């Protein structure tokens, strides 16, 4: 099993924001990593599973390492981030840089500086023929409870999408 822990290019210890707490969420899918990866990052399924965080959620990006990402809600407000590290079917790390409000990017206000540099990391590992998804994210106290209650809902939605996608592949 190729794991992130053994890959020196993906050292998670360097991808954390000081002064924030790290939350960790984990779930397992009865599907290969490639299928879970596709459901996570393909536009239509991304919009579906992230709708539990905010209806109308979307990501505007080229999905390339180093590339900019706008995580936006239905109104077009959200976060400005960059893809810090990416290894297809294994690891995706976002560094959050600022916010977008009314179409204007804010990368340097006092509010933004309090959390800028926070990371959100997604690790996929193969475990006994299944895929384990580990999500690690830097958060401020203000958002701990929100993510603690919302991530389990997101995992439910992801599992539903992975299973639906898995069934469609089998029937075609």
Protein backbone atom coordinates (compact mmCIF):
# COMPACT_ATOMS: atom_id res chain seq x y z
CA UNK A 1 0.00 0.00 0.00
CA UNK A 2 1.40 3.38 -1.01
CA UNK A 3 0.74 5.64 1.92
CA UNK A 4 1.24 9.31 2.36
CA UNK A 5 3.31 8.75 5.49
CA UNK A 6 6.04 7.07 3.44
CA UNK A 7 6.14 9.75 0.74
CA UNK A 8 8.64 12.50 1.64
CA UNK A 9 6.98 14.87 -0.83
CA UNK A 10 3.79 14.76 1.20
CA UNK A 11 5.00 15.43 4.71
CA UNK A 12 1.84 16.44 6.56
CA UNK A 13 3.82 17.90 9.44
CA UNK A 14 4.80 20.83 7.24
CA UNK A 15 1.20 21.52 6.25
CA UNK A 16 -0.32 23.00 9.36
CA UNK A 17 -1.14 26.43 10.57
CA UNK A 18 0.22 27.43 13.95
CA UNK A 19 -2.12 29.02 16.45
CA UNK A 20 -5.11 26.99 15.33
CA UNK A 21 -6.54 23.66 16.36
CA UNK A 22 -6.44 20.72 13.99
CA UNK A 23 -9.61 18.69 13.58
CA UNK A 24 -9.44 15.20 12.11
CA UNK A 25 -12.28 13.28 10.49
CA UNK A 26 -12.09 9.78 9.03
CA UNK A 27 -14.38 7.40 7.17
CA UNK A 28 -14.09 4.31 4.98
CA UNK A 29 -15.64 3.58 1.59
CA UNK A 30 -16.18 0.22 -0.06
CA UNK A 31 -14.63 1.50 -3.28
CA UNK A 32 -11.18 2.06 -4.78
CA UNK A 33 -9.29 5.31 -4.15
CA UNK A 34 -9.79 6.41 -7.76
CA UNK A 35 -13.57 6.30 -7.41
CA UNK A 36 -13.55 8.23 -4.13
CA UNK A 37 -11.13 10.78 -5.61
CA UNK A 38 -13.41 11.32 -8.60
CA UNK A 39 -16.46 11.85 -6.40
CA UNK A 40 -14.53 14.29 -4.19
CA UNK A 41 -13.22 16.52 -6.99
CA UNK A 42 -15.50 16.16 -10.05
CA UNK A 43 -17.60 19.34 -10.36
CA UNK A 44 -21.11 17.88 -10.17
CA UNK A 45 -20.43 15.48 -7.29
CA UNK A 46 -18.29 18.08 -5.48
CA UNK A 47 -21.28 20.44 -5.55
CA UNK A 48 -23.53 17.70 -4.17
CA UNK A 49 -21.45 16.60 -1.18
CA UNK A 50 -20.35 20.12 -0.23
CA UNK A 51 -23.95 21.34 -0.26
CA UNK A 52 -24.18 20.14 3.35
CA UNK A 53 -21.72 22.89 4.28
CA UNK A 54 -23.53 25.55 2.25
CA UNK A 55 -26.24 25.09 -0.39
CA UNK A 56 -24.94 26.03 -3.82
CA UNK A 57 -21.29 25.35 -2.92
CA UNK A 58 -18.84 25.15 -5.78
CA UNK A 59 -15.12 25.32 -6.47
CA UNK A 60 -13.65 27.38 -9.28
CA UNK A 61 -10.19 26.03 -10.08
CA UNK A 62 -8.07 24.15 -12.60
CA UNK A 63 -7.32 21.53 -9.87
CA UNK A 64 -3.56 21.84 -10.49
CA UNK A 65 -0.96 21.97 -7.72
CA UNK A 66 -0.14 25.60 -6.96
CA UNK A 67 -3.38 26.72 -8.61
CA UNK A 68 -5.88 29.12 -7.13
CA UNK A 69 -9.20 27.84 -5.80
CA UNK A 70 -12.29 29.89 -5.08
CA UNK A 71 -14.60 27.98 -2.73
CA UNK A 72 -17.90 29.80 -3.22
CA UNK A 73 -21.46 29.63 -1.98
CA UNK A 74 -24.63 30.29 -3.97
CA UNK A 75 -24.16 34.06 -3.63
CA UNK A 76 -20.54 33.90 -4.86
CA UNK A 77 -19.01 34.57 -1.44
CA UNK A 78 -16.44 32.26 0.12
CA UNK A 79 -12.74 31.57 0.42
CA UNK A 80 -9.63 32.15 -1.67
CA UNK A 81 -7.24 29.21 -1.43
CA UNK A 82 -4.49 27.48 -3.33
CA UNK A 83 -3.72 23.83 -3.92
CA UNK A 84 -0.60 23.45 -1.80
CA UNK A 85 0.05 19.79 -2.66
CA UNK A 86 -1.64 17.26 -4.88
CA UNK A 87 -0.98 13.63 -5.63
CA UNK A 88 -3.79 12.14 -7.71
CA UNK A 89 -5.91 9.51 -5.94
CA UNK A 90 -3.91 9.97 -2.70
CA UNK A 91 -3.60 13.50 -1.35
CA UNK A 92 -4.96 17.03 -1.77
CA UNK A 93 -3.99 19.95 0.43
CA UNK A 94 -5.58 23.38 0.33
CA UNK A 95 -4.02 26.43 1.94
CA UNK A 96 -6.68 29.00 2.76
CA UNK A 97 -5.49 32.52 1.98
CA UNK A 98 -8.46 34.85 2.29
CA UNK A 99 -12.09 35.43 1.54
CA UNK A 100 -14.31 36.60 -1.29
CA UNK A 101 -17.24 38.91 -0.59
CA UNK A 102 -19.33 40.63 -3.29
CA UNK A 103 -16.78 39.49 -5.87
CA UNK A 104 -13.85 41.15 -4.07
CA UNK A 105 -10.94 39.06 -2.78
CA UNK A 106 -9.68 40.01 0.68
CA UNK A 107 -6.24 38.60 1.51
CA UNK A 108 -5.00 41.05 4.12
CA UNK A 109 -7.68 42.31 6.52
CA UNK A 110 -7.18 41.72 10.23
CA UNK A 111 -10.02 39.18 10.20
CA UNK A 112 -8.41 37.22 7.36
CA UNK A 113 -4.94 37.36 8.90
CA UNK A 114 -6.33 35.60 12.01
CA UNK A 115 -6.81 32.38 10.01
CA UNK A 116 -4.91 32.81 6.73
CA UNK A 117 -2.47 29.98 6.18
CA UNK A 118 -4.90 27.38 7.54
CA UNK A 119 -4.68 24.02 5.77
CA UNK A 120 -7.32 21.49 4.82
CA UNK A 121 -5.83 18.11 3.86
CA UNK A 122 -7.49 15.08 2.26
CA UNK A 123 -5.65 11.76 2.38
CA UNK A 124 -6.87 8.58 0.69
CA UNK A 125 -5.38 5.26 1.80
CA UNK A 126 -6.15 1.74 0.59
CA UNK A 127 -7.02 -0.47 3.56
CA UNK A 128 -8.09 -4.10 3.07
CA UNK A 129 -9.60 -3.45 -0.35
CA UNK A 130 -11.44 -0.34 0.82
CA UNK A 131 -10.57 3.34 0.85
CA UNK A 132 -10.02 5.32 4.01
CA UNK A 133 -10.51 9.08 3.75
CA UNK A 134 -8.75 11.20 6.35
CA UNK A 135 -9.62 14.90 6.49
CA UNK A 136 -7.44 17.17 8.62
CA UNK A 137 -8.16 20.85 8.92
CA UNK A 138 -6.91 23.84 10.86
CA UNK A 139 -9.78 25.71 12.49
CA UNK A 140 -10.42 28.57 14.85
CA UNK A 141 -12.50 28.01 17.98
CA UNK A 142 -15.40 29.74 16.26
CA UNK A 143 -15.82 26.89 13.74
CA UNK A 144 -14.98 23.75 15.76
CA UNK A 145 -18.56 22.83 16.63
CA UNK A 146 -19.81 23.59 13.13
CA UNK A 147 -17.32 21.24 11.48
CA UNK A 148 -17.75 18.58 14.19
CA UNK A 149 -21.44 18.34 13.32
CA UNK A 150 -21.24 19.00 9.57
CA UNK A 151 -18.41 16.65 8.50
CA UNK A 152 -20.34 13.49 9.48
CA UNK A 153 -23.20 14.73 7.24
CA UNK A 154 -20.74 15.36 4.42
CA UNK A 155 -19.37 11.83 4.83
CA UNK A 156 -22.92 10.42 4.57
CA UNK A 157 -23.45 12.34 1.33
CA UNK A 158 -20.06 11.21 -0.01
CA UNK A 159 -20.83 7.57 0.77
CA UNK A 160 -24.15 7.86 -1.01
CA UNK A 161 -22.49 9.37 -4.09
CA UNK A 162 -19.66 6.81 -4.13
CA UNK A 163 -22.13 3.92 -3.81
CA UNK A 164 -24.45 5.38 -6.47
CA UNK A 165 -21.49 5.88 -8.77
CA UNK A 166 -20.23 2.36 -8.01
CA UNK A 167 -23.65 0.87 -8.88
CA UNK A 168 -23.80 2.83 -12.15
CA UNK A 169 -20.38 1.51 -13.17
CA UNK A 170 -21.45 -2.07 -12.45
CA UNK A 171 -24.68 -1.80 -14.48
CA UNK A 172 -23.11 -0.30 -17.60
